[in-house]
Structure formats: structure tokens, C-alpha cells
N, C-alpha and C. Protein backbone atom coordinates (compact mmCIF):
# COMPACT_ATOMS: atom_id res chain seq x y z
N MET A 1 -210.14 -4.33 14.86
CA MET A 1 -209.08 -5.01 15.60
C MET A 1 -208.08 -5.59 14.61
N ALA A 2 -207.53 -6.74 14.95
CA ALA A 2 -206.50 -7.32 14.10
C ALA A 2 -206.25 -8.77 14.48
N VAL A 3 -205.50 -9.44 13.64
CA VAL A 3 -204.95 -10.75 13.95
C VAL A 3 -203.44 -10.53 14.05
N THR A 4 -202.86 -10.87 15.19
CA THR A 4 -201.46 -10.55 15.43
C THR A 4 -200.64 -11.80 15.73
N LEU A 5 -199.33 -11.63 15.64
CA LEU A 5 -198.36 -12.67 15.99
C LEU A 5 -197.55 -12.19 17.18
N THR A 6 -197.15 -13.11 18.03
CA THR A 6 -196.16 -12.76 19.04
C THR A 6 -194.81 -12.67 18.33
N SER A 7 -193.82 -12.13 18.99
CA SER A 7 -192.50 -12.03 18.35
C SER A 7 -191.95 -13.42 18.04
N ALA A 8 -192.22 -14.40 18.90
CA ALA A 8 -191.75 -15.78 18.66
C ALA A 8 -192.41 -16.36 17.41
N ALA A 9 -193.71 -16.13 17.24
CA ALA A 9 -194.42 -16.64 16.06
C ALA A 9 -193.91 -15.94 14.80
N ALA A 10 -193.68 -14.63 14.88
CA ALA A 10 -193.19 -13.89 13.72
C ALA A 10 -191.81 -14.39 13.29
N GLU A 11 -190.93 -14.64 14.25
CA GLU A 11 -189.60 -15.16 13.92
C GLU A 11 -189.69 -16.53 13.26
N ARG A 12 -190.59 -17.38 13.76
CA ARG A 12 -190.77 -18.71 13.17
C ARG A 12 -191.28 -18.61 11.74
N VAL A 13 -192.24 -17.73 11.50
CA VAL A 13 -192.79 -17.55 10.15
C VAL A 13 -191.71 -17.03 9.22
N LYS A 14 -190.93 -16.06 9.66
CA LYS A 14 -189.84 -15.52 8.83
C LYS A 14 -188.86 -16.63 8.44
N THR A 15 -188.51 -17.48 9.40
CA THR A 15 -187.59 -18.60 9.15
C THR A 15 -188.19 -19.58 8.15
N MET A 16 -189.48 -19.89 8.32
CA MET A 16 -190.15 -20.85 7.42
C MET A 16 -190.20 -20.30 5.99
N ILE A 17 -190.52 -19.02 5.84
CA ILE A 17 -190.58 -18.40 4.50
C ILE A 17 -189.19 -18.35 3.88
N GLU A 18 -188.20 -18.03 4.69
CA GLU A 18 -186.82 -17.97 4.19
C GLU A 18 -186.36 -19.34 3.69
N LYS A 19 -186.62 -20.39 4.45
CA LYS A 19 -186.25 -21.75 4.05
C LYS A 19 -186.98 -22.18 2.79
N ARG A 20 -188.23 -21.77 2.67
CA ARG A 20 -189.05 -22.13 1.52
C ARG A 20 -188.61 -21.36 0.27
N GLY A 21 -188.13 -20.15 0.48
CA GLY A 21 -187.64 -19.35 -0.64
C GLY A 21 -188.68 -18.47 -1.30
N LYS A 22 -189.90 -18.50 -0.81
CA LYS A 22 -190.94 -17.62 -1.35
C LYS A 22 -192.09 -17.53 -0.35
N GLY A 23 -192.90 -16.49 -0.55
CA GLY A 23 -194.07 -16.28 0.32
C GLY A 23 -194.15 -14.83 0.72
N LEU A 24 -195.36 -14.30 0.72
CA LEU A 24 -195.59 -12.90 1.09
C LEU A 24 -195.85 -12.74 2.58
N GLY A 25 -196.21 -13.83 3.24
CA GLY A 25 -196.54 -13.78 4.65
C GLY A 25 -197.25 -15.05 5.07
N LEU A 26 -198.10 -14.93 6.07
CA LEU A 26 -198.81 -16.07 6.63
C LEU A 26 -200.30 -15.88 6.41
N ARG A 27 -200.95 -16.90 5.83
CA ARG A 27 -202.41 -16.88 5.65
C ARG A 27 -203.03 -17.66 6.80
N VAL A 28 -203.92 -17.00 7.54
CA VAL A 28 -204.59 -17.61 8.68
C VAL A 28 -206.09 -17.55 8.42
N GLY A 29 -206.79 -18.64 8.70
CA GLY A 29 -208.22 -18.65 8.48
C GLY A 29 -208.89 -19.74 9.28
N THR A 30 -210.14 -20.01 8.92
CA THR A 30 -210.91 -21.07 9.55
C THR A 30 -211.61 -21.88 8.48
N LYS A 31 -211.96 -23.10 8.83
CA LYS A 31 -212.77 -23.95 7.95
C LYS A 31 -213.75 -24.72 8.81
N VAL A 32 -214.85 -25.15 8.21
CA VAL A 32 -215.82 -25.97 8.91
C VAL A 32 -215.17 -27.34 9.14
N SER A 33 -215.15 -27.76 10.41
CA SER A 33 -214.45 -29.01 10.73
C SER A 33 -214.73 -29.42 12.17
N GLY A 34 -214.51 -30.69 12.44
CA GLY A 34 -214.54 -31.20 13.80
C GLY A 34 -215.91 -31.22 14.42
N CYS A 35 -215.93 -31.62 15.68
CA CYS A 35 -217.20 -31.78 16.38
C CYS A 35 -217.72 -30.47 16.95
N ALA A 36 -216.87 -29.43 17.03
CA ALA A 36 -217.32 -28.16 17.60
C ALA A 36 -217.68 -27.12 16.54
N GLY A 37 -217.28 -27.33 15.29
CA GLY A 37 -217.71 -26.41 14.24
C GLY A 37 -216.63 -25.89 13.32
N TYR A 38 -215.54 -25.35 13.86
CA TYR A 38 -214.49 -24.75 13.03
C TYR A 38 -213.11 -25.20 13.48
N ALA A 39 -212.19 -25.19 12.53
CA ALA A 39 -210.78 -25.46 12.81
C ALA A 39 -209.96 -24.35 12.16
N TYR A 40 -208.79 -24.11 12.69
CA TYR A 40 -207.91 -23.09 12.13
C TYR A 40 -207.16 -23.64 10.92
N THR A 41 -206.88 -22.76 9.98
CA THR A 41 -206.02 -23.10 8.85
C THR A 41 -204.86 -22.12 8.85
N VAL A 42 -203.68 -22.64 8.57
CA VAL A 42 -202.48 -21.82 8.50
C VAL A 42 -201.70 -22.28 7.28
N ASP A 43 -201.29 -21.33 6.45
CA ASP A 43 -200.55 -21.66 5.24
C ASP A 43 -199.71 -20.45 4.85
N TYR A 44 -198.86 -20.64 3.87
CA TYR A 44 -198.11 -19.52 3.31
C TYR A 44 -199.06 -18.65 2.50
N ALA A 45 -198.85 -17.35 2.55
CA ALA A 45 -199.61 -16.43 1.71
C ALA A 45 -198.76 -16.16 0.47
N ASP A 46 -199.02 -16.90 -0.59
CA ASP A 46 -198.28 -16.72 -1.84
C ASP A 46 -198.91 -15.63 -2.70
N GLU A 47 -200.16 -15.29 -2.41
CA GLU A 47 -200.83 -14.21 -3.11
C GLU A 47 -201.84 -13.58 -2.17
N ILE A 48 -202.20 -12.36 -2.46
CA ILE A 48 -203.19 -11.64 -1.66
C ILE A 48 -204.35 -11.30 -2.58
N HIS A 49 -205.53 -11.80 -2.23
CA HIS A 49 -206.73 -11.56 -3.03
C HIS A 49 -207.31 -10.18 -2.71
N ASP A 50 -208.11 -9.66 -3.61
CA ASP A 50 -208.68 -8.32 -3.46
C ASP A 50 -209.49 -8.15 -2.17
N ASP A 51 -210.19 -9.22 -1.74
CA ASP A 51 -211.02 -9.09 -0.55
C ASP A 51 -210.31 -9.50 0.74
N ASP A 52 -209.06 -9.93 0.67
CA ASP A 52 -208.30 -10.30 1.87
C ASP A 52 -208.04 -9.07 2.74
N VAL A 53 -207.95 -9.31 4.02
CA VAL A 53 -207.56 -8.27 4.97
C VAL A 53 -206.13 -8.59 5.39
N VAL A 54 -205.25 -7.59 5.33
CA VAL A 54 -203.83 -7.81 5.62
C VAL A 54 -203.44 -6.99 6.84
N PHE A 55 -202.81 -7.67 7.80
CA PHE A 55 -202.28 -7.03 9.00
C PHE A 55 -200.76 -7.18 8.97
N GLU A 56 -200.07 -6.29 9.61
CA GLU A 56 -198.61 -6.38 9.73
C GLU A 56 -198.32 -6.59 11.21
N SER A 57 -197.54 -7.64 11.53
CA SER A 57 -197.23 -7.94 12.92
C SER A 57 -195.78 -8.37 13.03
N HIS A 58 -194.97 -7.59 13.72
CA HIS A 58 -193.54 -7.87 13.90
C HIS A 58 -192.85 -8.12 12.57
N GLY A 59 -193.23 -7.33 11.56
CA GLY A 59 -192.59 -7.43 10.26
C GLY A 59 -193.10 -8.54 9.36
N VAL A 60 -194.18 -9.19 9.75
CA VAL A 60 -194.77 -10.28 8.95
C VAL A 60 -196.19 -9.89 8.55
N LYS A 61 -196.51 -10.10 7.28
CA LYS A 61 -197.89 -9.89 6.82
C LYS A 61 -198.74 -11.08 7.25
N VAL A 62 -199.87 -10.78 7.87
CA VAL A 62 -200.85 -11.79 8.25
C VAL A 62 -202.07 -11.55 7.37
N VAL A 63 -202.40 -12.53 6.53
CA VAL A 63 -203.46 -12.40 5.53
C VAL A 63 -204.66 -13.24 5.97
N VAL A 64 -205.84 -12.60 6.00
CA VAL A 64 -207.06 -13.26 6.47
C VAL A 64 -208.19 -12.98 5.50
N ASP A 65 -208.94 -14.02 5.14
CA ASP A 65 -210.12 -13.80 4.29
C ASP A 65 -211.23 -13.21 5.16
N PRO A 66 -212.13 -12.40 4.58
CA PRO A 66 -213.15 -11.71 5.37
C PRO A 66 -214.08 -12.63 6.15
N GLU A 67 -214.41 -13.78 5.60
CA GLU A 67 -215.31 -14.71 6.30
C GLU A 67 -214.67 -15.24 7.58
N SER A 68 -213.38 -15.58 7.50
CA SER A 68 -212.67 -16.07 8.69
C SER A 68 -212.45 -14.97 9.71
N LEU A 69 -212.25 -13.74 9.24
CA LEU A 69 -211.95 -12.64 10.15
C LEU A 69 -213.02 -12.47 11.21
N ALA A 70 -214.27 -12.72 10.86
CA ALA A 70 -215.36 -12.60 11.84
C ALA A 70 -215.18 -13.56 13.01
N ARG A 71 -214.51 -14.70 12.79
CA ARG A 71 -214.32 -15.70 13.84
C ARG A 71 -212.99 -15.55 14.56
N ILE A 72 -212.02 -14.85 13.96
CA ILE A 72 -210.69 -14.79 14.58
C ILE A 72 -210.20 -13.36 14.84
N ASP A 73 -211.06 -12.37 14.66
CA ASP A 73 -210.67 -10.99 14.92
C ASP A 73 -210.23 -10.85 16.38
N GLY A 74 -209.07 -10.28 16.60
CA GLY A 74 -208.53 -10.13 17.95
C GLY A 74 -207.63 -11.28 18.38
N MET A 75 -207.47 -12.29 17.52
CA MET A 75 -206.66 -13.46 17.86
C MET A 75 -205.17 -13.14 17.81
N GLU A 76 -204.43 -13.73 18.74
CA GLU A 76 -202.97 -13.66 18.73
C GLU A 76 -202.44 -15.07 18.49
N LEU A 77 -201.54 -15.18 17.53
CA LEU A 77 -200.92 -16.47 17.21
C LEU A 77 -199.55 -16.50 17.85
N ASP A 78 -199.29 -17.52 18.65
CA ASP A 78 -198.02 -17.67 19.35
C ASP A 78 -197.32 -18.91 18.84
N TYR A 79 -196.02 -19.00 19.07
CA TYR A 79 -195.26 -20.18 18.70
C TYR A 79 -194.52 -20.66 19.94
N GLN A 80 -194.70 -21.93 20.26
CA GLN A 80 -194.06 -22.54 21.43
C GLN A 80 -193.21 -23.71 21.00
N LYS A 81 -192.00 -23.77 21.52
CA LYS A 81 -191.14 -24.92 21.28
C LYS A 81 -190.70 -25.44 22.64
N GLU A 82 -191.30 -26.57 23.03
CA GLU A 82 -191.01 -27.15 24.33
C GLU A 82 -189.87 -28.16 24.26
N SER A 83 -189.74 -28.81 23.11
CA SER A 83 -188.66 -29.77 22.90
C SER A 83 -188.51 -29.98 21.40
N LEU A 84 -187.57 -30.79 21.02
CA LEU A 84 -187.34 -31.06 19.61
C LEU A 84 -188.58 -31.64 18.92
N LEU A 85 -189.35 -32.43 19.65
CA LEU A 85 -190.51 -33.09 19.08
C LEU A 85 -191.83 -32.41 19.43
N ASN A 86 -191.79 -31.40 20.27
CA ASN A 86 -193.02 -30.76 20.72
C ASN A 86 -192.94 -29.25 20.47
N GLU A 87 -193.44 -28.85 19.29
CA GLU A 87 -193.44 -27.44 18.93
C GLU A 87 -194.64 -27.15 18.05
N GLY A 88 -195.06 -25.90 18.04
CA GLY A 88 -196.16 -25.54 17.15
C GLY A 88 -196.79 -24.20 17.50
N PHE A 89 -197.75 -23.83 16.69
CA PHE A 89 -198.47 -22.57 16.89
C PHE A 89 -199.60 -22.77 17.88
N GLU A 90 -199.84 -21.75 18.69
CA GLU A 90 -200.97 -21.73 19.62
C GLU A 90 -201.87 -20.57 19.24
N PHE A 91 -203.17 -20.80 19.24
CA PHE A 91 -204.14 -19.81 18.85
C PHE A 91 -204.82 -19.25 20.09
N ASN A 92 -204.59 -17.98 20.39
CA ASN A 92 -205.22 -17.31 21.52
C ASN A 92 -206.34 -16.44 20.97
N ASN A 93 -207.53 -17.06 20.85
CA ASN A 93 -208.67 -16.43 20.18
C ASN A 93 -209.73 -16.04 21.20
N PRO A 94 -209.95 -14.72 21.39
CA PRO A 94 -210.94 -14.27 22.38
C PRO A 94 -212.38 -14.56 21.97
N ASN A 95 -212.62 -14.96 20.73
CA ASN A 95 -213.97 -15.23 20.24
C ASN A 95 -214.47 -16.64 20.54
N VAL A 96 -213.57 -17.53 20.96
CA VAL A 96 -213.95 -18.93 21.18
C VAL A 96 -214.87 -19.04 22.39
N LYS A 97 -216.03 -19.64 22.16
CA LYS A 97 -217.00 -19.87 23.23
C LYS A 97 -216.86 -21.27 23.82
N ASP A 98 -216.44 -22.22 22.98
CA ASP A 98 -216.29 -23.60 23.43
C ASP A 98 -215.39 -24.32 22.44
N SER A 99 -214.73 -25.36 22.91
CA SER A 99 -213.92 -26.17 22.01
C SER A 99 -214.17 -27.63 22.31
N CYS A 100 -213.82 -28.48 21.35
CA CYS A 100 -214.06 -29.91 21.54
C CYS A 100 -213.02 -30.47 22.52
N GLY A 101 -213.25 -31.66 22.99
CA GLY A 101 -212.38 -32.29 23.97
C GLY A 101 -210.95 -32.49 23.49
N CYS A 102 -210.77 -32.73 22.20
CA CYS A 102 -209.43 -32.98 21.68
C CYS A 102 -208.71 -31.69 21.33
N GLY A 103 -209.44 -30.56 21.36
CA GLY A 103 -208.82 -29.28 21.09
C GLY A 103 -208.62 -28.95 19.62
N GLU A 104 -209.18 -29.76 18.73
CA GLU A 104 -208.98 -29.55 17.31
C GLU A 104 -209.98 -28.60 16.68
N SER A 105 -211.12 -28.37 17.32
CA SER A 105 -212.12 -27.49 16.72
C SER A 105 -212.75 -26.62 17.81
N PHE A 106 -213.46 -25.56 17.37
CA PHE A 106 -214.02 -24.59 18.31
C PHE A 106 -215.32 -24.02 17.77
N THR A 107 -216.07 -23.36 18.66
CA THR A 107 -217.26 -22.61 18.26
C THR A 107 -217.07 -21.16 18.69
N VAL A 108 -217.77 -20.27 17.97
CA VAL A 108 -217.71 -18.83 18.30
C VAL A 108 -219.10 -18.33 18.60
């Protein structure tokens, strides 16, 4: 499968990389965190490691480490902007079995 971006998320990432002036794409992963087990990590992909898995989505490279891929394979990352103060990425992950009450962490 893959980890993909919606067109809105891809446009946001392109804008962020352009403003920053560098970056190969978007690095998406997971870390142990929260009361449910895992939290998402999102950062610029300034380098691609030998064991990274790279997907192309709407012209943006999405870089995922192999350990995280097992938890987020099939995930679609969306970007929503509801107002000037309310915007951000949304994670549509089909692997999530449960999430904590605050929505900050999940289990697979």
C-alpha cells in the first residue's frame, strides 16, 4: 500500500518547504506516546535514509521509516483550514483500533 496526501495536504507541504527554502519532502512516522500507545510525528524530510520507504503523492515525497510504516500503511494525510486560528493536518489511518479521549494517541 502507501501513505498518501490529499491535494490540500500536498499543496500545504509544498508551501511550507518553499517558505523554509529546503527539504526533500515530508517525513511521517509514529512514536511511543500518550495513554493509547502511539502518536504521529510529522517533520521535513531533509534526508532519506537507506531503509526509509518513499512514496510520491501529488508531487510530494512522503518518507516513512519501516517501523512506523507497519502502523500507518494505508494512511491518508489531509490538511484542513477552518479559520485563521484553526488549521492543521488530519490523519485518516485505517489501522487505528482505538484512540485516547483527547485524540493525541492511538493503538493499532
